[in-house]
Amino acid sequence: MSGPSRPTIYAVAKVAGVSISSVSRALNGNTSNLDMVARVKAAAEQVGYVPSAVAQSLTTQQTGQVAFAMEDIGNAAYLAMVREIQPRLREVGYRLLLHATGADVQDEIEVVESLAQKYVDGLILCPIRVTSRHIAALRDPAVPVVVIGQLPDEVAVDNVRTDSRLGARLAVEHLHAGGARRIAFVNGPADTIPGQARYAGYQDGLRTCGLGLDDTLVEFADFQVGAGRDAAARLLARSDLDAIFGANDLIALGAMHALRSAGRSIPDDVQVVGMDDTTLAETSFPPLTSVSLGSRERGRIAADMLLGRLRAEANVPQRVTVAPSLTVRESTREVTG
């Protein structure tokens, strides 16, 4: 047995005492007759009429939706961005759609190319690899796009980035100032932009502190807790170390698990520093010293950039860099002098 039929525009027109075309103009904001608009809206509420989002998007060429495509929705760094992006969009009537790419290049390319289907009005994209295919897809996107992360200068889209190379150097210098001399590094994949930048920053920090690069103190893994734990266990099995720098907080937390399993005290035996300064760093035991890359600020700036594009306020591509900073907690020793 079928349920009650959904109220139609015909019912609204009958109650309001106007034509169907007048109802359409009133609901789509295409009339200056305020009295008619009020009558139509009152009639729509009376009969319980809800305009079709699909029909409205065909009329206005707008969906009222923005997509945010990132590697991993569960990563606290991306969640921090979402907490800034979503409220700013909601304030002006946009709905935020989330999509996890799993850092799959093909998926990211398809997300950009499918913008031609106009399922959203704009896209915020956060890739950890940027290939020639990304550059080609971003050359002429169908709707405004903002990229969070490093982009080549020739890519003419708005871009908010951070300096994770400098952040990695800050981490190493802090560990050295706390007495560490055998500073291990657990990185993410070497073929990613953050992996390359953080490895370069680790080496910068070693040079600044007068320490040589020891390959036995370096592990490349994935940006996940389990990968960090396993990589730290391998380091402990083969190397004498007194500090571990994890390329993100998840890796660092995994390293802390491995240290506890091995009976090593943090920070007395081994100091640990992470990167991203997520809520996980605050709630770990002991609380994790971490380099902030301004995830919330990058999310806020990206949202503002996109809204500016949607309002046609900007002409040339914008580039903004958020500086890193160190948040010292109990996983490292107090620096004196």
Protein backbone atom coordinates (compact mmCIF):
# COMPACT_ATOMS: atom_id res chain seq x y z
CA MET A 1 0.00 0.00 0.00
CA SER A 2 1.51 3.31 -1.02
CA GLY A 3 1.88 6.19 1.47
CA PRO A 4 0.47 9.68 1.12
CA SER A 5 1.59 11.55 -1.98
CA ARG A 6 4.23 14.25 -1.62
CA PRO A 7 2.85 17.83 -1.90
CA THR A 8 3.59 19.37 -5.30
CA ILE A 9 4.09 22.84 -6.71
CA TYR A 10 0.55 22.57 -8.10
CA ALA A 11 -0.85 22.35 -4.57
CA VAL A 12 1.17 25.41 -3.52
CA ALA A 13 -0.11 27.39 -6.52
CA LYS A 14 -3.75 26.45 -5.74
CA VAL A 15 -3.52 27.52 -2.07
CA ALA A 16 -1.60 30.72 -2.87
CA GLY A 17 -3.98 31.60 -5.69
CA VAL A 18 -1.18 32.18 -8.21
CA SER A 19 0.16 30.44 -11.30
CA ILE A 20 2.71 27.63 -11.21
CA SER A 21 5.29 29.86 -12.87
CA SER A 22 4.76 32.47 -10.15
CA VAL A 23 5.39 29.82 -7.48
CA SER A 24 8.59 28.81 -9.25
CA ARG A 25 9.82 32.42 -9.48
CA ALA A 26 9.00 33.10 -5.83
CA LEU A 27 10.75 29.98 -4.52
CA ASN A 28 13.84 30.58 -6.68
CA GLY A 29 14.18 34.24 -5.79
CA ASN A 30 13.43 35.45 -9.30
CA THR A 31 10.81 38.06 -8.46
CA SER A 32 10.71 41.39 -6.66
CA ASN A 33 7.03 41.01 -5.68
CA LEU A 34 7.46 40.56 -1.91
CA ASP A 35 3.76 40.10 -1.30
CA MET A 36 3.64 37.18 -3.72
CA VAL A 37 6.78 35.65 -2.20
CA ALA A 38 5.19 35.79 1.26
CA ARG A 39 1.93 34.21 -0.01
CA VAL A 40 3.82 31.42 -1.81
CA LYS A 41 6.01 30.63 1.17
CA ALA A 42 3.01 30.57 3.49
CA ALA A 43 1.18 28.26 1.10
CA ALA A 44 4.23 25.97 0.80
CA GLU A 45 4.43 25.70 4.57
CA GLN A 46 0.70 25.06 4.83
CA VAL A 47 0.74 22.13 2.41
CA GLY A 48 4.14 20.84 3.54
CA TYR A 49 5.86 21.41 0.23
CA VAL A 50 9.67 20.95 0.18
CA PRO A 51 11.46 22.12 -3.00
CA SER A 52 13.51 19.47 -4.79
CA ALA A 53 17.24 20.07 -4.30
CA VAL A 54 17.91 18.60 -7.73
CA ALA A 55 15.39 20.89 -9.42
CA GLN A 56 16.76 23.92 -7.58
CA SER A 57 20.33 23.09 -8.58
CA LEU A 58 19.25 22.82 -12.23
CA THR A 59 17.63 26.24 -11.98
CA THR A 60 20.33 28.08 -10.05
CA GLN A 61 23.36 26.09 -11.31
CA GLN A 62 24.35 25.73 -7.64
CA THR A 63 24.18 22.72 -5.35
CA GLY A 64 24.87 24.39 -2.00
CA GLN A 65 27.51 21.72 -1.38
CA VAL A 66 31.31 21.73 -1.05
CA ALA A 67 33.53 18.62 -0.97
CA PHE A 68 36.63 18.03 1.14
CA ALA A 69 38.81 15.17 -0.17
CA MET A 70 41.60 13.97 2.13
CA GLU A 71 43.70 10.87 2.68
CA ASP A 72 42.07 9.56 5.86
CA ILE A 73 38.93 10.89 7.55
CA GLY A 74 40.02 9.25 10.80
CA ASN A 75 43.29 11.19 11.00
CA ALA A 76 43.01 13.78 13.76
CA ALA A 77 44.89 16.38 11.69
CA TYR A 78 42.17 16.27 9.02
CA LEU A 79 39.43 16.27 11.66
CA ALA A 80 40.92 19.50 13.02
CA MET A 81 40.60 21.00 9.54
CA VAL A 82 36.99 19.82 9.26
CA ARG A 83 36.15 21.52 12.57
CA GLU A 84 37.17 24.83 11.03
CA ILE A 85 35.89 24.32 7.49
CA GLN A 86 32.38 23.06 8.25
CA PRO A 87 31.17 25.91 10.50
CA ARG A 88 32.46 28.57 8.10
CA LEU A 89 30.65 26.97 5.19
CA ARG A 90 27.48 26.38 7.18
CA GLU A 91 27.31 30.04 8.15
CA VAL A 92 26.72 30.95 4.51
CA GLY A 93 24.49 28.02 3.64
CA TYR A 94 26.87 25.38 2.28
CA ARG A 95 26.86 21.70 3.25
CA LEU A 96 30.28 19.97 3.57
CA LEU A 97 30.74 16.51 2.00
CA LEU A 98 33.74 14.42 3.14
CA HIS A 99 35.62 11.94 0.97
CA ALA A 100 38.56 9.72 1.97
CA THR A 101 40.92 9.03 -0.94
CA GLY A 102 43.28 6.66 0.87
CA ALA A 103 46.05 8.67 -0.85
CA ASP A 104 45.11 6.88 -4.07
CA VAL A 105 46.23 9.06 -6.99
CA GLN A 106 43.61 7.70 -9.38
CA ASP A 107 40.84 8.41 -6.91
CA GLU A 108 42.07 11.98 -6.40
CA ILE A 109 42.23 12.58 -10.15
CA GLU A 110 38.70 11.24 -10.56
CA VAL A 111 37.45 13.52 -7.79
CA VAL A 112 38.81 16.56 -9.66
CA GLU A 113 37.65 15.41 -13.08
CA SER A 114 34.15 14.59 -11.82
CA LEU A 115 33.68 18.22 -10.81
CA ALA A 116 32.39 18.68 -14.37
CA GLN A 117 29.25 16.85 -13.22
CA LYS A 118 28.57 19.85 -10.94
CA TYR A 119 27.74 17.70 -7.90
CA VAL A 120 29.40 20.36 -5.71
CA ASP A 121 30.08 24.08 -6.04
CA GLY A 122 33.70 23.81 -4.87
CA LEU A 123 36.40 21.42 -3.68
CA ILE A 124 39.07 21.46 -0.99
CA LEU A 125 41.69 18.83 -1.85
CA CYS A 126 44.46 17.61 0.45
CA PRO A 127 46.81 15.25 -1.48
CA ILE A 128 50.04 13.85 -0.04
CA ARG A 129 51.40 13.17 -3.52
CA VAL A 130 51.24 15.63 -6.42
CA THR A 131 51.86 14.05 -9.81
CA SER A 132 51.82 15.38 -13.35
CA ARG A 133 48.28 13.99 -13.56
CA HIS A 134 47.22 16.14 -10.59
CA ILE A 135 48.73 19.19 -12.27
CA ALA A 136 46.90 18.47 -15.53
CA ALA A 137 43.57 17.91 -13.77
CA LEU A 138 43.94 21.12 -11.76
CA ARG A 139 44.81 23.23 -14.80
CA ASP A 140 41.17 24.05 -15.57
CA PRO A 141 38.77 22.64 -12.94
CA ALA A 142 35.04 22.95 -13.54
CA VAL A 143 34.46 24.61 -10.14
CA PRO A 144 36.75 26.49 -7.71
CA VAL A 145 39.40 24.31 -6.02
CA VAL A 146 41.64 25.01 -3.03
CA VAL A 147 44.56 22.68 -2.29
CA ILE A 148 45.88 22.16 1.24
CA GLY A 149 49.50 21.06 0.85
CA GLN A 150 52.51 21.81 -1.30
CA LEU A 151 51.90 22.62 -4.95
CA PRO A 152 54.27 23.63 -7.77
CA ASP A 153 54.09 27.36 -8.43
CA GLU A 154 52.79 26.85 -11.96
CA VAL A 155 49.54 25.29 -10.70
CA ALA A 156 47.09 28.19 -10.80
CA VAL A 157 44.77 27.26 -7.94
CA ASP A 158 44.53 28.69 -4.43
CA ASN A 159 46.89 26.93 -2.05
CA VAL A 160 47.45 26.90 1.71
CA ARG A 161 50.52 25.06 2.90
CA THR A 162 52.82 24.65 5.87
CA ASP A 163 56.59 24.33 6.26
CA SER A 164 56.97 20.81 7.61
CA ARG A 165 60.66 20.82 6.70
CA LEU A 166 61.22 23.64 9.20
CA GLY A 167 58.95 21.83 11.65
CA ALA A 168 61.08 18.69 11.48
CA ARG A 169 64.21 20.73 12.12
CA LEU A 170 62.56 22.28 15.20
CA ALA A 171 61.81 18.79 16.52
CA VAL A 172 65.41 17.60 16.15
CA GLU A 173 66.82 20.78 17.69
CA HIS A 174 64.50 20.43 20.68
CA LEU A 175 65.54 16.81 21.25
CA HIS A 176 69.20 17.78 21.00
CA ALA A 177 68.71 20.63 23.49
CA GLY A 178 67.24 18.08 25.89
CA GLY A 179 70.39 15.97 25.74
CA ALA A 180 69.60 13.54 22.92
CA ARG A 181 72.49 12.56 20.64
CA ARG A 182 71.20 9.41 18.95
CA ILE A 183 68.01 10.78 17.40
CA ALA A 184 66.05 8.25 15.36
CA PHE A 185 63.47 9.19 12.75
CA VAL A 186 60.37 7.21 11.77
CA ASN A 187 59.01 8.72 8.57
CA GLY A 188 56.03 8.12 6.31
CA PRO A 189 56.40 6.94 2.71
CA ALA A 190 59.42 8.48 0.99
CA ASP A 191 57.46 9.22 -2.20
CA THR A 192 55.03 11.59 -0.48
CA ILE A 193 55.45 15.34 -0.23
CA PRO A 194 55.32 15.37 3.60
CA GLY A 195 57.67 12.38 3.75
CA GLN A 196 60.26 14.14 1.59
CA ALA A 197 59.97 17.47 3.40
CA ARG A 198 60.21 15.95 6.88
CA TYR A 199 63.21 13.80 5.97
CA ALA A 200 64.96 16.89 4.61
CA GLY A 201 64.09 18.77 7.80
CA TYR A 202 65.41 15.90 9.95
CA GLN A 203 68.73 16.13 8.12
CA ASP A 204 68.72 19.94 8.48
CA GLY A 205 68.27 19.53 12.22
CA LEU A 206 71.09 17.02 12.50
CA ARG A 207 73.45 19.40 10.68
CA THR A 208 72.40 22.33 12.84
CA CYS A 209 73.16 20.28 15.95
CA GLY A 210 76.48 18.98 14.62
CA LEU A 211 75.25 15.40 14.28
CA GLY A 212 75.88 13.13 11.32
CA LEU A 213 73.23 11.18 9.45
CA ASP A 214 73.15 7.52 10.53
CA ASP A 215 70.97 5.42 8.23
CA THR A 216 70.51 2.80 10.95
CA LEU A 217 68.48 5.39 12.87
CA VAL A 218 65.99 5.99 10.03
CA GLU A 219 62.86 4.01 9.16
CA PHE A 220 60.34 4.65 6.39
CA ALA A 221 56.89 3.30 7.14
CA ASP A 222 53.34 4.63 6.83
CA PHE A 223 51.58 7.48 8.64
CA GLN A 224 49.74 5.10 11.00
CA VAL A 225 50.07 3.92 14.62
CA GLY A 226 50.81 0.30 13.77
CA ALA A 227 53.48 1.26 11.26
CA GLY A 228 55.12 3.52 13.83
CA ARG A 229 55.09 0.80 16.46
CA ASP A 230 56.65 -1.79 14.15
CA ALA A 231 59.27 0.64 12.82
CA ALA A 232 60.27 1.69 16.34
CA ALA A 233 60.59 -1.98 17.35
CA ARG A 234 63.00 -2.52 14.44
CA LEU A 235 65.03 0.52 15.48
CA LEU A 236 65.25 -0.66 19.08
CA ALA A 237 66.39 -4.11 17.93
CA ARG A 238 69.34 -2.79 15.93
CA SER A 239 70.28 0.66 17.26
CA ASP A 240 71.31 2.40 20.45
CA LEU A 241 69.05 5.45 20.50
CA ASP A 242 67.95 8.06 23.01
CA ALA A 243 65.22 9.85 21.05
CA ILE A 244 62.62 9.17 18.37
CA PHE A 245 61.06 11.76 16.11
CA GLY A 246 57.85 10.53 14.47
CA ALA A 247 56.79 12.18 11.20
CA ASN A 248 53.26 12.55 12.58
CA ASP A 249 51.52 12.00 15.92
CA LEU A 250 50.20 8.59 14.90
CA ILE A 251 53.71 7.33 14.19
CA ALA A 252 54.98 8.84 17.45
CA LEU A 253 52.20 7.17 19.45
CA GLY A 254 53.09 3.85 17.85
CA ALA A 255 56.73 4.43 18.82
CA MET A 256 55.66 5.07 22.41
CA HIS A 257 53.84 1.72 22.45
CA ALA A 258 57.02 -0.01 21.24
CA LEU A 259 59.12 1.73 23.87
CA ARG A 260 56.78 0.69 26.69
CA SER A 261 56.76 -2.89 25.40
CA ALA A 262 60.57 -2.84 25.47
CA GLY A 263 60.60 -1.52 29.04
CA ARG A 264 62.00 1.90 28.05
CA SER A 265 60.95 4.91 30.09
CA ILE A 266 59.69 8.06 28.32
CA PRO A 267 61.38 10.53 28.48
CA ASP A 268 64.08 9.28 30.88
CA ASP A 269 65.43 6.57 28.56
CA VAL A 270 64.06 7.77 25.22
CA GLN A 271 62.50 11.12 24.34
CA VAL A 272 59.72 11.24 21.74
CA VAL A 273 58.43 14.04 19.51
CA GLY A 274 55.55 13.85 17.05
CA MET A 275 54.18 16.16 14.39
CA ASP A 276 50.73 17.72 13.79
CA ASP A 277 49.99 18.48 17.46
CA THR A 278 46.62 16.78 17.33
CA THR A 279 44.27 16.07 20.22
CA LEU A 280 45.93 12.64 20.40
CA ALA A 281 49.17 14.32 21.51
CA GLU A 282 47.39 15.99 24.42
CA THR A 283 45.72 12.80 25.63
CA SER A 284 48.57 10.29 25.24
CA PHE A 285 50.57 9.03 28.21
CA PRO A 286 52.81 10.75 28.76
CA PRO A 287 51.46 13.75 26.84
CA LEU A 288 53.35 14.00 23.57
CA THR A 289 55.60 16.88 22.57
CA SER A 290 54.60 17.69 19.00
CA VAL A 291 55.21 20.16 16.20
CA SER A 292 52.05 22.00 15.26
CA LEU A 293 51.55 22.52 11.53
CA GLY A 294 48.48 24.67 12.08
CA SER A 295 45.85 22.18 10.89
CA ARG A 296 42.97 24.25 12.21
CA GLU A 297 44.38 27.45 10.75
CA ARG A 298 45.00 25.82 7.37
CA GLY A 299 41.41 24.57 7.36
CA ARG A 300 40.10 28.03 8.20
CA ILE A 301 42.20 29.70 5.50
CA ALA A 302 41.20 27.10 2.90
CA ALA A 303 37.51 27.63 3.66
CA ASP A 304 37.90 31.41 3.40
CA MET A 305 39.80 31.07 0.12
CA LEU A 306 37.09 28.87 -1.37
CA LEU A 307 34.28 31.14 -0.23
CA GLY A 308 36.13 34.07 -1.77
CA ARG A 309 36.28 32.19 -5.07
CA LEU A 310 32.60 31.30 -4.88
CA ARG A 311 31.85 35.00 -4.39
CA ALA A 312 34.22 35.85 -7.27
CA GLU A 313 36.32 38.08 -4.99
CA ALA A 314 39.79 36.90 -6.06
CA ASN A 315 41.49 37.03 -9.45
CA VAL A 316 45.02 35.62 -9.13
CA PRO A 317 45.77 32.39 -7.25
CA GLN A 318 46.52 32.89 -3.58
CA ARG A 319 49.43 31.25 -1.72
CA VAL A 320 49.49 31.20 2.09
CA THR A 321 52.05 29.41 4.28
CA VAL A 322 51.28 28.62 7.93
CA ALA A 323 54.41 28.53 10.09
CA PRO A 324 55.10 25.51 12.33
CA SER A 325 55.53 25.77 16.09
CA LEU A 326 56.61 23.39 18.85
CA THR A 327 54.30 22.39 21.71
CA VAL A 328 56.39 20.94 24.53
CA ARG A 329 54.83 18.31 26.76
CA GLU A 330 56.06 15.49 29.00
CA SER A 331 57.50 13.09 26.39
CA THR A 332 60.69 15.17 26.19
CA ARG A 333 63.06 16.44 28.84
CA GLU A 334 63.01 19.97 30.13
CA VAL A 335 65.51 22.18 28.33
CA THR A 336 67.64 24.26 30.69
CA GLY A 337 70.10 27.05 30.03
